[in-house]
Amino acid sequence: MAMQVSPGINITEKDFTDTTPNVSTSIAGFAGVFRWGPVDTIVEVGSENQLVALFGKPDNDTFNSFFAAANFLGYSNNLRLVRVVS
């Protein structure tokens, strides 16, 4: 270690970067209200297009569930989805 004779500034560079795991390997489960599709059955959804094909486009009653699921699918391609009815 270097010795300082007078007051000064000691600069040390540290690398705190970390690797971010690949989000597409993440799996999520979601239960929501949708226009149509299988009820009380786990369905694997891999894209937003597949979400629309299986459960329909969002409307005033289903937009919260649809966009929550679509948001996750924007970062990953592995969503387990269950349609619930009241």
PDB file of N, CA and C in Angstrom:
ATOM      1  N   MET A   1       0.851  -1.176   0.000  1.00  0.00           N
ATOM      2  CA  MET A   1       0.000   0.000   0.000  1.00  0.00           C
ATOM      3  C   MET A   1       0.885   1.223   0.000  1.00  0.00           C
ATOM      4  N   ALA A   2       0.489   2.217  -0.797  1.00  0.00           N
ATOM      5  CA  ALA A   2       1.280   3.448  -0.881  1.00  0.00           C
ATOM      6  C   ALA A   2       1.060   4.292   0.369  1.00  0.00           C
ATOM      7  N   MET A   3       2.116   4.991   0.771  1.00  0.00           N
ATOM      8  CA  MET A   3       2.044   5.845   1.952  1.00  0.00           C
ATOM      9  C   MET A   3       1.992   7.293   1.505  1.00  0.00           C
ATOM     10  N   GLN A   4       1.057   8.046   2.064  1.00  0.00           N
ATOM     11  CA  GLN A   4       0.944   9.455   1.721  1.00  0.00           C
ATOM     12  C   GLN A   4       1.649  10.284   2.792  1.00  0.00           C
ATOM     13  N   VAL A   5       2.462  11.225   2.349  1.00  0.00           N
ATOM     14  CA  VAL A   5       3.190  12.085   3.264  1.00  0.00           C
ATOM     15  C   VAL A   5       2.315  13.253   3.692  1.00  0.00           C
ATOM     16  N   SER A   6       1.495  13.742   2.828  1.00  0.00           N
ATOM     17  CA  SER A   6       0.619  14.860   3.157  1.00  0.00           C
ATOM     18  C   SER A   6      -0.804  14.489   2.794  1.00  0.00           C
ATOM     19  N   PRO A   7      -1.777  15.260   3.312  1.00  0.00           N
ATOM     20  CA  PRO A   7      -3.172  14.952   2.978  1.00  0.00           C
ATOM     21  C   PRO A   7      -3.378  14.997   1.468  1.00  0.00           C
ATOM     22  N   GLY A   8      -4.181  14.084   0.988  1.00  0.00           N
ATOM     23  CA  GLY A   8      -4.429  14.049  -0.447  1.00  0.00           C
ATOM     24  C   GLY A   8      -5.636  13.193  -0.760  1.00  0.00           C
ATOM     25  N   ILE A   9      -5.796  12.930  -1.987  1.00  0.00           N
ATOM     26  CA  ILE A   9      -6.921  12.134  -2.452  1.00  0.00           C
ATOM     27  C   ILE A   9      -6.382  10.805  -2.957  1.00  0.00           C
ATOM     28  N   ASN A  10      -6.941   9.735  -2.448  1.00  0.00           N
ATOM     29  CA  ASN A  10      -6.576   8.402  -2.884  1.00  0.00           C
ATOM     30  C   ASN A  10      -7.722   7.874  -3.748  1.00  0.00           C
ATOM     31  N   ILE A  11      -7.464   7.610  -5.011  1.00  0.00           N
ATOM     32  CA  ILE A  11      -8.503   7.166  -5.935  1.00  0.00           C
ATOM     33  C   ILE A  11      -8.381   5.667  -6.127  1.00  0.00           C
ATOM     34  N   THR A  12      -9.493   4.972  -5.872  1.00  0.00           N
ATOM     35  CA  THR A  12      -9.549   3.532  -6.083  1.00  0.00           C
ATOM     36  C   THR A  12     -10.742   3.238  -6.978  1.00  0.00           C
ATOM     37  N   GLU A  13     -10.492   2.506  -8.035  1.00  0.00           N
ATOM     38  CA  GLU A  13     -11.568   2.161  -8.956  1.00  0.00           C
ATOM     39  C   GLU A  13     -12.030   0.745  -8.661  1.00  0.00           C
ATOM     40  N   LYS A  14     -13.349   0.598  -8.466  1.00  0.00           N
ATOM     41  CA  LYS A  14     -13.934  -0.711  -8.193  1.00  0.00           C
ATOM     42  C   LYS A  14     -15.032  -0.976  -9.212  1.00  0.00           C
ATOM     43  N   ASP A  15     -15.076  -2.190  -9.690  1.00  0.00           N
ATOM     44  CA  ASP A  15     -16.072  -2.593 -10.677  1.00  0.00           C
ATOM     45  C   ASP A  15     -17.192  -3.345  -9.971  1.00  0.00           C
ATOM     46  N   PHE A  16     -18.350  -2.702  -9.861  1.00  0.00           N
ATOM     47  CA  PHE A  16     -19.496  -3.312  -9.195  1.00  0.00           C
ATOM     48  C   PHE A  16     -20.549  -3.796 -10.198  1.00  0.00           C
ATOM     49  N   THR A  17     -20.185  -3.866 -11.459  1.00  0.00           N
ATOM     50  CA  THR A  17     -21.158  -4.336 -12.450  1.00  0.00           C
ATOM     51  C   THR A  17     -21.455  -5.808 -12.222  1.00  0.00           C
ATOM     52  N   ASP A  18     -22.654  -6.172 -12.562  1.00  0.00           N
ATOM     53  CA  ASP A  18     -23.103  -7.543 -12.384  1.00  0.00           C
ATOM     54  C   ASP A  18     -23.836  -7.944 -13.655  1.00  0.00           C
ATOM     55  N   THR A  19     -23.822  -9.196 -13.952  1.00  0.00           N
ATOM     56  CA  THR A  19     -24.548  -9.660 -15.127  1.00  0.00           C
ATOM     57  C   THR A  19     -26.028  -9.779 -14.801  1.00  0.00           C
ATOM     58  N   THR A  20     -26.841  -9.411 -15.740  1.00  0.00           N
ATOM     59  CA  THR A  20     -28.283  -9.516 -15.582  1.00  0.00           C
ATOM     60  C   THR A  20     -28.738 -10.823 -16.208  1.00  0.00           C
ATOM     61  N   PRO A  21     -29.488 -11.634 -15.461  1.00  0.00           N
ATOM     62  CA  PRO A  21     -29.931 -12.903 -16.049  1.00  0.00           C
ATOM     63  C   PRO A  21     -30.864 -12.661 -17.233  1.00  0.00           C
ATOM     64  N   ASN A  22     -30.852 -13.570 -18.144  1.00  0.00           N
ATOM     65  CA  ASN A  22     -31.716 -13.490 -19.305  1.00  0.00           C
ATOM     66  C   ASN A  22     -33.177 -13.608 -18.858  1.00  0.00           C
ATOM     67  N   VAL A  23     -33.947 -12.543 -19.074  1.00  0.00           N
ATOM     68  CA  VAL A  23     -35.318 -12.502 -18.587  1.00  0.00           C
ATOM     69  C   VAL A  23     -36.208 -13.490 -19.331  1.00  0.00           C
ATOM     70  N   SER A  24     -35.842 -13.810 -20.560  1.00  0.00           N
ATOM     71  CA  SER A  24     -36.698 -14.704 -21.332  1.00  0.00           C
ATOM     72  C   SER A  24     -36.761 -16.100 -20.728  1.00  0.00           C
ATOM     73  N   THR A  25     -35.880 -16.413 -19.782  1.00  0.00           N
ATOM     74  CA  THR A  25     -35.944 -17.710 -19.117  1.00  0.00           C
ATOM     75  C   THR A  25     -36.863 -17.677 -17.898  1.00  0.00           C
ATOM     76  N   SER A  26     -37.390 -16.504 -17.575  1.00  0.00           N
ATOM     77  CA  SER A  26     -38.283 -16.378 -16.431  1.00  0.00           C
ATOM     78  C   SER A  26     -39.653 -16.957 -16.762  1.00  0.00           C
ATOM     79  N   ILE A  27     -40.242 -17.608 -15.779  1.00  0.00           N
ATOM     80  CA  ILE A  27     -41.589 -18.161 -15.922  1.00  0.00           C
ATOM     81  C   ILE A  27     -42.489 -17.448 -14.926  1.00  0.00           C
ATOM     82  N   ALA A  28     -43.669 -17.059 -15.371  1.00  0.00           N
ATOM     83  CA  ALA A  28     -44.625 -16.406 -14.479  1.00  0.00           C
ATOM     84  C   ALA A  28     -45.972 -17.106 -14.594  1.00  0.00           C
ATOM     85  N   GLY A  29     -46.738 -17.014 -13.549  1.00  0.00           N
ATOM     86  CA  GLY A  29     -48.104 -17.507 -13.540  1.00  0.00           C
ATOM     87  C   GLY A  29     -49.048 -16.338 -13.337  1.00  0.00           C
ATOM     88  N   PHE A  30     -50.177 -16.344 -14.026  1.00  0.00           N
ATOM     89  CA  PHE A  30     -51.123 -15.232 -13.941  1.00  0.00           C
ATOM     90  C   PHE A  30     -52.535 -15.770 -14.104  1.00  0.00           C
ATOM     91  N   ALA A  31     -53.445 -15.290 -13.282  1.00  0.00           N
ATOM     92  CA  ALA A  31     -54.869 -15.607 -13.414  1.00  0.00           C
ATOM     93  C   ALA A  31     -55.606 -14.307 -13.667  1.00  0.00           C
ATOM     94  N   GLY A  32     -56.439 -14.290 -14.688  1.00  0.00           N
ATOM     95  CA  GLY A  32     -57.115 -13.050 -15.021  1.00  0.00           C
ATOM     96  C   GLY A  32     -58.425 -13.278 -15.748  1.00  0.00           C
ATOM     97  N   VAL A  33     -59.109 -12.168 -15.997  1.00  0.00           N
ATOM     98  CA  VAL A  33     -60.404 -12.165 -16.684  1.00  0.00           C
ATOM     99  C   VAL A  33     -60.149 -11.870 -18.160  1.00  0.00           C
ATOM    100  N   PHE A  34     -60.648 -12.734 -19.047  1.00  0.00           N
ATOM    101  CA  PHE A  34     -60.483 -12.562 -20.485  1.00  0.00           C
ATOM    102  C   PHE A  34     -61.803 -12.828 -21.184  1.00  0.00           C
ATOM    103  N   ARG A  35     -61.920 -12.410 -22.451  1.00  0.00           N
ATOM    104  CA  ARG A  35     -63.172 -12.532 -23.200  1.00  0.00           C
ATOM    105  C   ARG A  35     -63.559 -13.974 -23.458  1.00  0.00           C
ATOM    106  N   TRP A  36     -62.616 -14.797 -23.892  1.00  0.00           N
ATOM    107  CA  TRP A  36     -62.892 -16.199 -24.162  1.00  0.00           C
ATOM    108  C   TRP A  36     -61.638 -17.005 -23.910  1.00  0.00           C
ATOM    109  N   GLY A  37     -61.752 -18.298 -24.062  1.00  0.00           N
ATOM    110  CA  GLY A  37     -60.627 -19.198 -23.854  1.00  0.00           C
ATOM    111  C   GLY A  37     -60.948 -20.233 -22.797  1.00  0.00           C
ATOM    112  N   PRO A  38     -60.038 -21.177 -22.592  1.00  0.00           N
ATOM    113  CA  PRO A  38     -60.265 -22.222 -21.591  1.00  0.00           C
ATOM    114  C   PRO A  38     -60.375 -21.636 -20.190  1.00  0.00           C
ATOM    115  N   VAL A  39     -61.306 -22.145 -19.402  1.00  0.00           N
ATOM    116  CA  VAL A  39     -61.536 -21.664 -18.043  1.00  0.00           C
ATOM    117  C   VAL A  39     -60.923 -22.649 -17.052  1.00  0.00           C
ATOM    118  N   ASP A  40     -60.266 -22.114 -16.026  1.00  0.00           N
ATOM    119  CA  ASP A  40     -59.666 -22.912 -14.949  1.00  0.00           C
ATOM    120  C   ASP A  40     -58.685 -23.966 -15.467  1.00  0.00           C
ATOM    121  N   THR A  41     -58.008 -23.656 -16.546  1.00  0.00           N
ATOM    122  CA  THR A  41     -57.010 -24.548 -17.127  1.00  0.00           C
ATOM    123  C   THR A  41     -55.728 -23.757 -17.355  1.00  0.00           C
ATOM    124  N   ILE A  42     -54.598 -24.321 -16.986  1.00  0.00           N
ATOM    125  CA  ILE A  42     -53.315 -23.639 -17.196  1.00  0.00           C
ATOM    126  C   ILE A  42     -52.938 -23.744 -18.666  1.00  0.00           C
ATOM    127  N   VAL A  43     -52.698 -22.586 -19.286  1.00  0.00           N
ATOM    128  CA  VAL A  43     -52.325 -22.509 -20.697  1.00  0.00           C
ATOM    129  C   VAL A  43     -50.974 -21.811 -20.783  1.00  0.00           C
ATOM    130  N   GLU A  44     -50.045 -22.379 -21.541  1.00  0.00           N
ATOM    131  CA  GLU A  44     -48.742 -21.758 -21.734  1.00  0.00           C
ATOM    132  C   GLU A  44     -48.831 -20.796 -22.908  1.00  0.00           C
ATOM    133  N   VAL A  45     -48.467 -19.528 -22.651  1.00  0.00           N
ATOM    134  CA  VAL A  45     -48.529 -18.487 -23.669  1.00  0.00           C
ATOM    135  C   VAL A  45     -47.104 -17.984 -23.906  1.00  0.00           C
ATOM    136  N   GLY A  46     -46.713 -17.883 -25.184  1.00  0.00           N
ATOM    137  CA  GLY A  46     -45.345 -17.500 -25.498  1.00  0.00           C
ATOM    138  C   GLY A  46     -45.193 -16.140 -26.142  1.00  0.00           C
ATOM    139  N   SER A  47     -46.299 -15.504 -26.569  1.00  0.00           N
ATOM    140  CA  SER A  47     -46.198 -14.193 -27.208  1.00  0.00           C
ATOM    141  C   SER A  47     -47.522 -13.452 -27.061  1.00  0.00           C
ATOM    142  N   GLU A  48     -47.476 -12.158 -27.340  1.00  0.00           N
ATOM    143  CA  GLU A  48     -48.697 -11.367 -27.261  1.00  0.00           C
ATOM    144  C   GLU A  48     -49.681 -11.772 -28.364  1.00  0.00           C
ATOM    145  N   ASN A  49     -49.169 -12.141 -29.522  1.00  0.00           N
ATOM    146  CA  ASN A  49     -50.050 -12.616 -30.601  1.00  0.00           C
ATOM    147  C   ASN A  49     -50.773 -13.888 -30.199  1.00  0.00           C
ATOM    148  N   GLN A  50     -50.078 -14.774 -29.519  1.00  0.00           N
ATOM    149  CA  GLN A  50     -50.706 -16.005 -29.039  1.00  0.00           C
ATOM    150  C   GLN A  50     -51.737 -15.687 -27.951  1.00  0.00           C
ATOM    151  N   LEU A  51     -51.443 -14.699 -27.114  1.00  0.00           N
ATOM    152  CA  LEU A  51     -52.393 -14.267 -26.077  1.00  0.00           C
ATOM    153  C   LEU A  51     -53.696 -13.795 -26.714  1.00  0.00           C
ATOM    154  N   VAL A  52     -53.594 -12.997 -27.770  1.00  0.00           N
ATOM    155  CA  VAL A  52     -54.791 -12.506 -28.470  1.00  0.00           C
ATOM    156  C   VAL A  52     -55.530 -13.664 -29.125  1.00  0.00           C
ATOM    157  N   ALA A  53     -54.798 -14.589 -29.743  1.00  0.00           N
ATOM    158  CA  ALA A  53     -55.445 -15.716 -30.422  1.00  0.00           C
ATOM    159  C   ALA A  53     -56.186 -16.619 -29.441  1.00  0.00           C
ATOM    160  N   LEU A  54     -55.620 -16.818 -28.251  1.00  0.00           N
ATOM    161  CA  LEU A  54     -56.230 -17.731 -27.285  1.00  0.00           C
ATOM    162  C   LEU A  54     -57.306 -17.083 -26.422  1.00  0.00           C
ATOM    163  N   PHE A  55     -57.124 -15.804 -26.057  1.00  0.00           N
ATOM    164  CA  PHE A  55     -58.009 -15.181 -25.073  1.00  0.00           C
ATOM    165  C   PHE A  55     -58.715 -13.920 -25.561  1.00  0.00           C
ATOM    166  N   GLY A  56     -58.469 -13.494 -26.778  1.00  0.00           N
ATOM    167  CA  GLY A  56     -59.171 -12.342 -27.335  1.00  0.00           C
ATOM    168  C   GLY A  56     -58.500 -11.020 -27.035  1.00  0.00           C
ATOM    169  N   LYS A  57     -58.909  -9.995 -27.799  1.00  0.00           N
ATOM    170  CA  LYS A  57     -58.389  -8.641 -27.610  1.00  0.00           C
ATOM    171  C   LYS A  57     -59.008  -8.026 -26.356  1.00  0.00           C
ATOM    172  N   PRO A  58     -58.326  -7.033 -25.767  1.00  0.00           N
ATOM    173  CA  PRO A  58     -58.864  -6.421 -24.551  1.00  0.00           C
ATOM    174  C   PRO A  58     -60.092  -5.567 -24.837  1.00  0.00           C
ATOM    175  N   ASP A  59     -60.980  -5.502 -23.861  1.00  0.00           N
ATOM    176  CA  ASP A  59     -62.122  -4.603 -23.909  1.00  0.00           C
ATOM    177  C   ASP A  59     -62.223  -3.903 -22.555  1.00  0.00           C
ATOM    178  N   ASN A  60     -63.319  -3.211 -22.298  1.00  0.00           N
ATOM    179  CA  ASN A  60     -63.459  -2.458 -21.038  1.00  0.00           C
ATOM    180  C   ASN A  60     -63.440  -3.342 -19.798  1.00  0.00           C
ATOM    181  N   ASP A  61     -63.815  -4.598 -19.943  1.00  0.00           N
ATOM    182  CA  ASP A  61     -63.851  -5.503 -18.795  1.00  0.00           C
ATOM    183  C   ASP A  61     -62.561  -6.281 -18.603  1.00  0.00           C
ATOM    184  N   THR A  62     -61.766  -6.441 -19.658  1.00  0.00           N
ATOM    185  CA  THR A  62     -60.607  -7.327 -19.585  1.00  0.00           C
ATOM    186  C   THR A  62     -59.261  -6.637 -19.760  1.00  0.00           C
ATOM    187  N   PHE A  63     -59.243  -5.330 -19.945  1.00  0.00           N
ATOM    188  CA  PHE A  63     -57.984  -4.668 -20.273  1.00  0.00           C
ATOM    189  C   PHE A  63     -56.936  -4.768 -19.169  1.00  0.00           C
ATOM    190  N   ASN A  64     -57.344  -4.759 -17.895  1.00  0.00           N
ATOM    191  CA  ASN A  64     -56.354  -4.875 -16.809  1.00  0.00           C
ATOM    192  C   ASN A  64     -55.614  -6.205 -16.878  1.00  0.00           C
ATOM    193  N   SER A  65     -56.336  -7.279 -17.025  1.00  0.00           N
ATOM    194  CA  SER A  65     -55.708  -8.599 -17.108  1.00  0.00           C
ATOM    195  C   SER A  65     -54.882  -8.734 -18.378  1.00  0.00           C
ATOM    196  N   PHE A  66     -55.445  -8.280 -19.494  1.00  0.00           N
ATOM    197  CA  PHE A  66     -54.749  -8.429 -20.767  1.00  0.00           C
ATOM    198  C   PHE A  66     -53.413  -7.698 -20.762  1.00  0.00           C
ATOM    199  N   PHE A  67     -53.404  -6.429 -20.350  1.00  0.00           N
ATOM    200  CA  PHE A  67     -52.173  -5.653 -20.423  1.00  0.00           C
ATOM    201  C   PHE A  67     -51.149  -6.078 -19.369  1.00  0.00           C
ATOM    202  N   ALA A  68     -51.589  -6.619 -18.253  1.00  0.00           N
ATOM    203  CA  ALA A  68     -50.638  -7.172 -17.278  1.00  0.00           C
ATOM    204  C   ALA A  68     -49.924  -8.380 -17.879  1.00  0.00           C
ATOM    205  N   ALA A  69     -50.676  -9.251 -18.528  1.00  0.00           N
ATOM    206  CA  ALA A  69     -50.077 -10.419 -19.171  1.00  0.00           C
ATOM    207  C   ALA A  69     -49.206 -10.005 -20.357  1.00  0.00           C
ATOM    208  N   ALA A  70     -49.684  -9.066 -21.165  1.00  0.00           N
ATOM    209  CA  ALA A  70     -48.928  -8.610 -22.331  1.00  0.00           C
ATOM    210  C   ALA A  70     -47.634  -7.918 -21.912  1.00  0.00           C
ATOM    211  N   ASN A  71     -47.659  -7.198 -20.806  1.00  0.00           N
ATOM    212  CA  ASN A  71     -46.449  -6.531 -20.313  1.00  0.00           C
ATOM    213  C   ASN A  71     -45.378  -7.558 -19.979  1.00  0.00           C
ATOM    214  N   PHE A  72     -45.755  -8.634 -19.289  1.00  0.00           N
ATOM    215  CA  PHE A  72     -44.771  -9.671 -18.980  1.00  0.00           C
ATOM    216  C   PHE A  72     -44.244 -10.309 -20.260  1.00  0.00           C
ATOM    217  N   LEU A  73     -45.117 -10.561 -21.217  1.00  0.00           N
ATOM    218  CA  LEU A  73     -44.696 -11.183 -22.471  1.00  0.00           C
ATOM    219  C   LEU A  73     -43.777 -10.279 -23.285  1.00  0.00           C
ATOM    220  N   GLY A  74     -43.753  -8.989 -22.982  1.00  0.00           N
ATOM    221  CA  GLY A  74     -42.813  -8.088 -23.627  1.00  0.00           C
ATOM    222  C   GLY A  74     -41.383  -8.344 -23.197  1.00  0.00           C
ATOM    223  N   TYR A  75     -41.200  -8.974 -22.044  1.00  0.00           N
ATOM    224  CA  TYR A  75     -39.865  -9.248 -21.515  1.00  0.00           C
ATOM    225  C   TYR A  75     -39.523 -10.734 -21.519  1.00  0.00           C
ATOM    226  N   SER A  76     -40.492 -11.575 -21.613  1.00  0.00           N
ATOM    227  CA  SER A  76     -40.263 -13.005 -21.541  1.00  0.00           C
ATOM    228  C   SER A  76     -41.179 -13.709 -22.537  1.00  0.00           C
ATOM    229  N   ASN A  77     -40.986 -14.991 -22.690  1.00  0.00           N
ATOM    230  CA  ASN A  77     -41.841 -15.746 -23.612  1.00  0.00           C
ATOM    231  C   ASN A  77     -42.366 -17.011 -22.953  1.00  0.00           C
ATOM    232  N   ASN A  78     -42.588 -16.928 -21.637  1.00  0.00           N
ATOM    233  CA  ASN A  78     -43.001 -18.126 -20.920  1.00  0.00           C
ATOM    234  C   ASN A  78     -43.977 -17.749 -19.810  1.00  0.00           C
ATOM    235  N   LEU A  79     -45.241 -17.620 -20.155  1.00  0.00           N
ATOM    236  CA  LEU A  79     -46.283 -17.228 -19.219  1.00  0.00           C
ATOM    237  C   LEU A  79     -47.280 -18.372 -19.085  1.00  0.00           C
ATOM    238  N   ARG A  80     -47.585 -18.741 -17.855  1.00  0.00           N
ATOM    239  CA  ARG A  80     -48.644 -19.725 -17.590  1.00  0.00           C
ATOM    240  C   ARG A  80     -49.880 -18.916 -17.189  1.00  0.00           C
ATOM    241  N   LEU A  81     -50.944 -19.057 -17.950  1.00  0.00           N
ATOM    242  CA  LEU A  81     -52.117 -18.206 -17.780  1.00  0.00           C
ATOM    243  C   LEU A  81     -53.352 -19.046 -17.504  1.00  0.00           C
ATOM    244  N   VAL A  82     -54.180 -18.565 -16.588  1.00  0.00           N
ATOM    245  CA  VAL A  82     -55.451 -19.205 -16.265  1.00  0.00           C
ATOM    246  C   VAL A  82     -56.556 -18.164 -16.409  1.00  0.00           C
ATOM    247  N   ARG A  83     -57.567 -18.486 -17.181  1.00  0.00           N
ATOM    248  CA  ARG A  83     -58.731 -17.601 -17.304  1.00  0.00           C
ATOM    249  C   ARG A  83     -59.720 -17.953 -16.217  1.00  0.00           C
ATOM    250  N   VAL A  84     -60.165 -16.927 -15.499  1.00  0.00           N
ATOM    251  CA  VAL A  84     -61.162 -17.113 -14.454  1.00  0.00           C
ATOM    252  C   VAL A  84     -62.432 -16.374 -14.833  1.00  0.00           C
ATOM    253  N   VAL A  85     -63.556 -16.889 -14.380  1.00  0.00           N
ATOM    254  CA  VAL A  85     -64.838 -16.223 -14.584  1.00  0.00           C
ATOM    255  C   VAL A  85     -65.490 -16.044 -13.218  1.00  0.00           C
ATOM    256  N   SER A  86     -66.293 -14.988 -13.105  1.00  0.00           N
ATOM    257  CA  SER A  86     -66.918 -14.715 -11.800  1.00  0.00           C
ATOM    258  C   SER A  86     -68.164 -15.542 -11.607  1.00  0.00           C
TER     259      SER A  86
END
